[in-house]
């Protein structure tokens, strides 16, 4: 079993599938730092990836939880769903990423870091 992986360079879909196999098989939980343009992948919980990135210098307000489905193509490949996204202080009151600009930024960073089929 592998630990949380910091993604700061583009990875292949094969690598993403390998990370998915460690925990859920068809899905990978991830946390994106929209300021530093990096991602943490591979944990059971978004909160663990969030803590990992905070230890590496990320700021709480910049972190958003997502789920990736390596066997699917867009738009089903990416899901903006995580408990860490519930942030009333940032006007995000649900598990979803409600702000369209933030969603687009997450998608842009995702395309920089992961080959999407």
N, C-alpha and C. Protein backbone atom coordinates (compact mmCIF):
# COMPACT_ATOMS: atom_id res chain seq x y z
N UNK A 1 0.85 -1.19 0.00
CA UNK A 1 0.00 0.00 0.00
C UNK A 1 0.89 1.25 0.00
N UNK A 2 0.59 2.14 -0.89
CA UNK A 2 1.36 3.37 -1.01
C UNK A 2 0.78 4.46 -0.11
N UNK A 3 1.55 5.51 0.08
CA UNK A 3 1.11 6.66 0.85
C UNK A 3 0.51 7.70 -0.09
N UNK A 4 0.21 8.85 0.46
CA UNK A 4 -0.29 9.97 -0.32
C UNK A 4 0.81 10.44 -1.27
N UNK A 5 0.41 10.74 -2.49
CA UNK A 5 1.35 11.16 -3.53
C UNK A 5 1.11 12.63 -3.85
N UNK A 6 2.19 13.41 -3.85
CA UNK A 6 2.12 14.80 -4.29
C UNK A 6 2.29 14.82 -5.80
N UNK A 7 1.32 15.40 -6.50
CA UNK A 7 1.37 15.49 -7.95
C UNK A 7 1.69 16.94 -8.31
N UNK A 8 2.90 17.13 -8.82
CA UNK A 8 3.33 18.47 -9.23
C UNK A 8 3.84 18.47 -10.67
N UNK A 9 3.76 17.30 -11.32
CA UNK A 9 4.10 17.14 -12.72
C UNK A 9 3.06 16.21 -13.33
N UNK A 10 2.89 16.30 -14.63
CA UNK A 10 1.86 15.51 -15.31
C UNK A 10 2.10 14.01 -15.13
N UNK A 11 1.01 13.30 -14.80
CA UNK A 11 1.05 11.84 -14.69
C UNK A 11 0.13 11.25 -15.76
N UNK A 12 0.39 10.00 -16.10
CA UNK A 12 -0.39 9.30 -17.11
C UNK A 12 -1.68 8.75 -16.49
N UNK A 13 -2.60 8.38 -17.36
CA UNK A 13 -3.82 7.71 -16.88
C UNK A 13 -3.47 6.37 -16.25
N UNK A 14 -2.43 5.72 -16.75
CA UNK A 14 -2.01 4.44 -16.17
C UNK A 14 -1.57 4.63 -14.72
N UNK A 15 -0.82 5.69 -14.46
CA UNK A 15 -0.39 5.99 -13.08
C UNK A 15 -1.60 6.30 -12.20
N UNK A 16 -2.55 7.05 -12.74
CA UNK A 16 -3.76 7.36 -11.98
C UNK A 16 -4.53 6.08 -11.66
N UNK A 17 -4.61 5.17 -12.61
CA UNK A 17 -5.28 3.89 -12.38
C UNK A 17 -4.55 3.08 -11.32
N UNK A 18 -3.23 3.15 -11.33
CA UNK A 18 -2.44 2.46 -10.30
C UNK A 18 -2.77 3.02 -8.91
N UNK A 19 -2.83 4.33 -8.79
CA UNK A 19 -3.17 4.97 -7.52
C UNK A 19 -4.59 4.57 -7.10
N UNK A 20 -5.51 4.51 -8.06
CA UNK A 20 -6.89 4.09 -7.76
C UNK A 20 -6.93 2.69 -7.19
N UNK A 21 -6.05 1.82 -7.69
CA UNK A 21 -6.05 0.42 -7.26
C UNK A 21 -5.64 0.26 -5.80
N UNK A 22 -4.97 1.24 -5.22
CA UNK A 22 -4.53 1.15 -3.83
C UNK A 22 -5.69 1.16 -2.85
N UNK A 23 -6.79 1.83 -3.21
CA UNK A 23 -7.87 2.02 -2.25
C UNK A 23 -9.24 1.61 -2.79
N UNK A 24 -9.73 2.32 -3.80
CA UNK A 24 -11.13 2.19 -4.22
C UNK A 24 -11.32 1.46 -5.54
N UNK A 25 -10.25 1.26 -6.28
CA UNK A 25 -10.33 0.53 -7.54
C UNK A 25 -10.68 1.40 -8.73
N UNK A 26 -11.87 2.00 -8.73
CA UNK A 26 -12.31 2.77 -9.88
C UNK A 26 -12.33 4.28 -9.63
N UNK A 27 -11.86 4.71 -8.47
CA UNK A 27 -11.93 6.11 -8.09
C UNK A 27 -10.72 6.50 -7.26
N UNK A 28 -10.30 7.76 -7.40
CA UNK A 28 -9.20 8.31 -6.61
C UNK A 28 -9.69 9.59 -5.96
N UNK A 29 -9.53 9.68 -4.64
CA UNK A 29 -9.80 10.94 -3.97
C UNK A 29 -8.59 11.84 -4.13
N UNK A 30 -8.85 13.12 -4.29
CA UNK A 30 -7.76 14.06 -4.44
C UNK A 30 -8.09 15.40 -3.82
N UNK A 31 -7.04 16.15 -3.50
CA UNK A 31 -7.19 17.52 -3.02
C UNK A 31 -6.28 18.39 -3.88
N UNK A 32 -6.87 19.45 -4.42
CA UNK A 32 -6.15 20.37 -5.30
C UNK A 32 -5.86 21.66 -4.55
N UNK A 33 -4.61 22.10 -4.64
CA UNK A 33 -4.21 23.42 -4.13
C UNK A 33 -4.27 24.36 -5.33
N UNK A 34 -5.27 25.24 -5.36
CA UNK A 34 -5.48 26.09 -6.53
C UNK A 34 -4.47 27.23 -6.60
N UNK A 35 -3.78 27.52 -5.53
CA UNK A 35 -2.74 28.55 -5.54
C UNK A 35 -1.40 27.98 -6.00
N UNK A 36 -1.01 26.86 -5.43
CA UNK A 36 0.29 26.25 -5.75
C UNK A 36 0.22 25.36 -6.99
N UNK A 37 -1.01 25.05 -7.45
CA UNK A 37 -1.25 24.24 -8.65
C UNK A 37 -0.64 22.85 -8.51
N UNK A 38 -0.89 22.23 -7.37
CA UNK A 38 -0.47 20.85 -7.11
C UNK A 38 -1.68 20.08 -6.58
N UNK A 39 -1.52 18.75 -6.50
CA UNK A 39 -2.57 17.88 -6.03
C UNK A 39 -2.00 16.80 -5.14
N UNK A 40 -2.79 16.37 -4.18
CA UNK A 40 -2.46 15.18 -3.39
C UNK A 40 -3.47 14.10 -3.77
N UNK A 41 -2.97 12.89 -3.97
CA UNK A 41 -3.82 11.76 -4.35
C UNK A 41 -3.46 10.54 -3.51
N UNK A 42 -4.44 9.63 -3.36
CA UNK A 42 -4.13 8.31 -2.86
C UNK A 42 -4.60 7.95 -1.47
N UNK A 43 -5.21 8.88 -0.74
CA UNK A 43 -5.63 8.57 0.63
C UNK A 43 -7.07 8.05 0.67
N UNK A 44 -7.43 7.46 1.80
CA UNK A 44 -8.81 7.03 2.02
C UNK A 44 -9.74 8.23 2.18
N UNK A 45 -9.21 9.31 2.76
CA UNK A 45 -10.03 10.48 3.08
C UNK A 45 -9.43 11.75 2.49
N UNK A 46 -10.30 12.62 2.00
CA UNK A 46 -9.83 13.93 1.54
C UNK A 46 -9.13 14.67 2.68
N UNK A 47 -9.62 14.49 3.89
CA UNK A 47 -9.04 15.19 5.05
C UNK A 47 -7.57 14.81 5.24
N UNK A 48 -7.19 13.57 4.94
CA UNK A 48 -5.79 13.16 5.06
C UNK A 48 -4.93 13.86 4.01
N UNK A 49 -5.45 13.97 2.80
CA UNK A 49 -4.73 14.68 1.74
C UNK A 49 -4.64 16.17 2.05
N UNK A 50 -5.70 16.70 2.60
CA UNK A 50 -5.71 18.10 3.03
C UNK A 50 -4.62 18.35 4.07
N UNK A 51 -4.54 17.49 5.07
CA UNK A 51 -3.51 17.62 6.11
C UNK A 51 -2.12 17.50 5.52
N UNK A 52 -1.95 16.58 4.59
CA UNK A 52 -0.67 16.38 3.89
C UNK A 52 -0.23 17.68 3.20
N UNK A 53 -1.14 18.31 2.47
CA UNK A 53 -0.80 19.54 1.76
C UNK A 53 -0.56 20.71 2.72
N UNK A 54 -1.33 20.76 3.80
CA UNK A 54 -1.11 21.81 4.81
C UNK A 54 0.29 21.69 5.41
N UNK A 55 0.74 20.46 5.65
CA UNK A 55 2.09 20.23 6.17
C UNK A 55 3.16 20.66 5.17
N UNK A 56 2.80 20.68 3.89
CA UNK A 56 3.74 21.06 2.84
C UNK A 56 3.63 22.54 2.47
N UNK A 57 2.88 23.31 3.28
CA UNK A 57 2.84 24.76 3.09
C UNK A 57 1.60 25.32 2.41
N UNK A 58 0.65 24.48 2.07
CA UNK A 58 -0.58 24.98 1.47
C UNK A 58 -1.41 25.74 2.49
N UNK A 59 -2.31 26.57 2.01
CA UNK A 59 -3.24 27.32 2.86
C UNK A 59 -4.63 26.73 2.73
N UNK A 60 -5.32 26.64 3.84
CA UNK A 60 -6.64 26.01 3.91
C UNK A 60 -7.59 26.52 2.83
N UNK A 61 -7.66 27.82 2.63
CA UNK A 61 -8.62 28.39 1.69
C UNK A 61 -8.33 28.01 0.23
N UNK A 62 -7.15 27.48 -0.03
CA UNK A 62 -6.76 27.13 -1.40
C UNK A 62 -7.02 25.66 -1.73
N UNK A 63 -7.48 24.87 -0.77
CA UNK A 63 -7.61 23.42 -0.95
C UNK A 63 -9.06 23.01 -1.21
N UNK A 64 -9.24 22.20 -2.25
CA UNK A 64 -10.56 21.72 -2.63
C UNK A 64 -10.51 20.23 -2.92
N UNK A 65 -11.49 19.50 -2.42
CA UNK A 65 -11.56 18.06 -2.60
C UNK A 65 -12.31 17.67 -3.87
N UNK A 66 -11.76 16.66 -4.55
CA UNK A 66 -12.37 16.13 -5.77
C UNK A 66 -12.27 14.61 -5.77
N UNK A 67 -13.00 14.00 -6.69
CA UNK A 67 -12.88 12.57 -6.95
C UNK A 67 -12.62 12.40 -8.44
N UNK A 68 -11.72 11.49 -8.78
CA UNK A 68 -11.39 11.22 -10.17
C UNK A 68 -11.74 9.77 -10.50
N UNK A 69 -12.30 9.56 -11.67
CA UNK A 69 -12.70 8.24 -12.13
C UNK A 69 -11.90 7.93 -13.40
N UNK A 70 -10.73 7.28 -13.25
CA UNK A 70 -9.80 7.09 -14.38
C UNK A 70 -10.36 6.34 -15.57
N UNK A 71 -11.39 5.52 -15.39
CA UNK A 71 -11.94 4.75 -16.50
C UNK A 71 -13.00 5.51 -17.28
N UNK A 72 -13.34 6.71 -16.84
CA UNK A 72 -14.37 7.51 -17.50
C UNK A 72 -13.73 8.69 -18.22
N UNK A 73 -14.48 9.32 -19.09
CA UNK A 73 -14.01 10.53 -19.75
C UNK A 73 -14.81 11.72 -19.21
N UNK A 74 -14.35 12.91 -19.55
CA UNK A 74 -15.03 14.11 -19.09
C UNK A 74 -16.43 14.14 -19.67
N UNK A 75 -17.42 14.64 -18.95
CA UNK A 75 -17.30 15.29 -17.65
C UNK A 75 -17.36 14.33 -16.46
N UNK A 76 -17.62 13.04 -16.71
CA UNK A 76 -17.78 12.08 -15.61
C UNK A 76 -16.47 11.73 -14.91
N UNK A 77 -15.35 12.04 -15.53
CA UNK A 77 -14.02 11.78 -14.97
C UNK A 77 -13.80 12.54 -13.66
N UNK A 78 -14.38 13.75 -13.55
CA UNK A 78 -14.13 14.65 -12.42
C UNK A 78 -15.42 14.93 -11.65
N UNK A 79 -15.34 14.77 -10.34
CA UNK A 79 -16.46 15.05 -9.45
C UNK A 79 -15.98 16.00 -8.35
N UNK A 80 -16.69 17.09 -8.14
CA UNK A 80 -16.32 18.09 -7.13
C UNK A 80 -17.07 17.80 -5.84
N UNK A 81 -16.78 16.71 -5.17
CA UNK A 81 -17.56 16.30 -4.01
C UNK A 81 -16.65 15.89 -2.86
N UNK A 82 -16.70 16.66 -1.77
CA UNK A 82 -15.91 16.34 -0.60
C UNK A 82 -16.42 17.10 0.62
N UNK A 83 -16.32 16.47 1.76
CA UNK A 83 -16.68 17.15 3.01
C UNK A 83 -15.77 18.36 3.27
N UNK A 84 -14.52 18.32 2.81
CA UNK A 84 -13.63 19.46 3.08
C UNK A 84 -14.07 20.71 2.31
N UNK A 85 -14.98 20.55 1.35
CA UNK A 85 -15.46 21.69 0.58
C UNK A 85 -16.54 22.49 1.30
N UNK A 86 -17.07 21.97 2.38
CA UNK A 86 -18.09 22.69 3.14
C UNK A 86 -17.39 23.81 3.90
N UNK A 87 -17.57 25.04 3.40
CA UNK A 87 -16.88 26.22 3.95
C UNK A 87 -17.79 27.43 3.92
N UNK A 88 -18.64 27.56 4.89
CA UNK A 88 -19.52 28.73 4.91
C UNK A 88 -18.76 30.06 4.86
N UNK A 89 -17.57 30.12 5.46
CA UNK A 89 -16.78 31.35 5.47
C UNK A 89 -16.32 31.75 4.07
N UNK A 90 -16.32 30.80 3.13
CA UNK A 90 -15.97 31.07 1.74
C UNK A 90 -17.21 30.97 0.84
N UNK A 91 -18.36 31.06 1.45
CA UNK A 91 -19.65 30.98 0.73
C UNK A 91 -19.81 29.68 -0.03
N UNK A 92 -19.25 28.60 0.50
CA UNK A 92 -19.44 27.27 -0.08
C UNK A 92 -20.12 26.42 0.98
N UNK A 93 -21.41 26.24 0.85
CA UNK A 93 -22.21 25.63 1.90
C UNK A 93 -22.54 24.16 1.66
N UNK A 94 -21.93 23.56 0.64
CA UNK A 94 -22.21 22.15 0.36
C UNK A 94 -20.90 21.41 0.09
N UNK A 95 -21.02 20.11 -0.12
CA UNK A 95 -19.86 19.28 -0.43
C UNK A 95 -19.34 19.56 -1.84
N UNK A 96 -20.16 20.17 -2.66
CA UNK A 96 -19.81 20.51 -4.03
C UNK A 96 -18.98 21.80 -4.03
N UNK A 97 -18.21 22.04 -5.09
CA UNK A 97 -17.54 23.33 -5.28
C UNK A 97 -18.55 24.19 -6.02
N UNK A 98 -19.10 25.18 -5.32
CA UNK A 98 -20.22 25.94 -5.87
C UNK A 98 -19.80 27.07 -6.81
N UNK A 99 -18.64 27.66 -6.60
CA UNK A 99 -18.19 28.79 -7.40
C UNK A 99 -17.67 28.29 -8.76
N UNK A 100 -18.27 28.78 -9.84
CA UNK A 100 -17.91 28.32 -11.18
C UNK A 100 -16.45 28.64 -11.52
N UNK A 101 -15.95 29.79 -11.11
CA UNK A 101 -14.55 30.14 -11.38
C UNK A 101 -13.60 29.17 -10.70
N UNK A 102 -13.91 28.78 -9.47
CA UNK A 102 -13.08 27.82 -8.75
C UNK A 102 -13.14 26.46 -9.43
N UNK A 103 -14.32 26.05 -9.87
CA UNK A 103 -14.47 24.78 -10.59
C UNK A 103 -13.60 24.77 -11.84
N UNK A 104 -13.65 25.86 -12.60
CA UNK A 104 -12.86 25.95 -13.83
C UNK A 104 -11.36 25.93 -13.54
N UNK A 105 -10.95 26.59 -12.45
CA UNK A 105 -9.54 26.60 -12.06
C UNK A 105 -9.09 25.19 -11.67
N UNK A 106 -9.90 24.48 -10.92
CA UNK A 106 -9.59 23.10 -10.55
C UNK A 106 -9.44 22.24 -11.81
N UNK A 107 -10.36 22.38 -12.76
CA UNK A 107 -10.30 21.61 -13.99
C UNK A 107 -9.05 21.95 -14.79
N UNK A 108 -8.70 23.21 -14.86
CA UNK A 108 -7.49 23.64 -15.57
C UNK A 108 -6.24 23.00 -14.96
N UNK A 109 -6.15 23.02 -13.63
CA UNK A 109 -5.01 22.43 -12.94
C UNK A 109 -4.99 20.91 -13.15
N UNK A 110 -6.16 20.31 -13.09
CA UNK A 110 -6.26 18.86 -13.31
C UNK A 110 -5.71 18.49 -14.69
N UNK A 111 -6.08 19.25 -15.72
CA UNK A 111 -5.58 18.97 -17.07
C UNK A 111 -4.09 19.18 -17.18
N UNK A 112 -3.52 20.06 -16.37
CA UNK A 112 -2.07 20.25 -16.35
C UNK A 112 -1.36 19.06 -15.70
N UNK A 113 -2.02 18.40 -14.75
CA UNK A 113 -1.36 17.39 -13.93
C UNK A 113 -1.71 15.94 -14.27
N UNK A 114 -2.80 15.71 -14.98
CA UNK A 114 -3.23 14.35 -15.26
C UNK A 114 -3.67 14.23 -16.71
N UNK A 115 -3.21 13.18 -17.38
CA UNK A 115 -3.72 12.88 -18.73
C UNK A 115 -5.17 12.45 -18.57
N UNK A 116 -6.06 13.18 -19.20
CA UNK A 116 -7.48 12.89 -19.11
C UNK A 116 -7.93 12.30 -20.43
N UNK A 117 -8.56 11.12 -20.36
CA UNK A 117 -9.00 10.43 -21.58
C UNK A 117 -10.26 10.98 -22.17
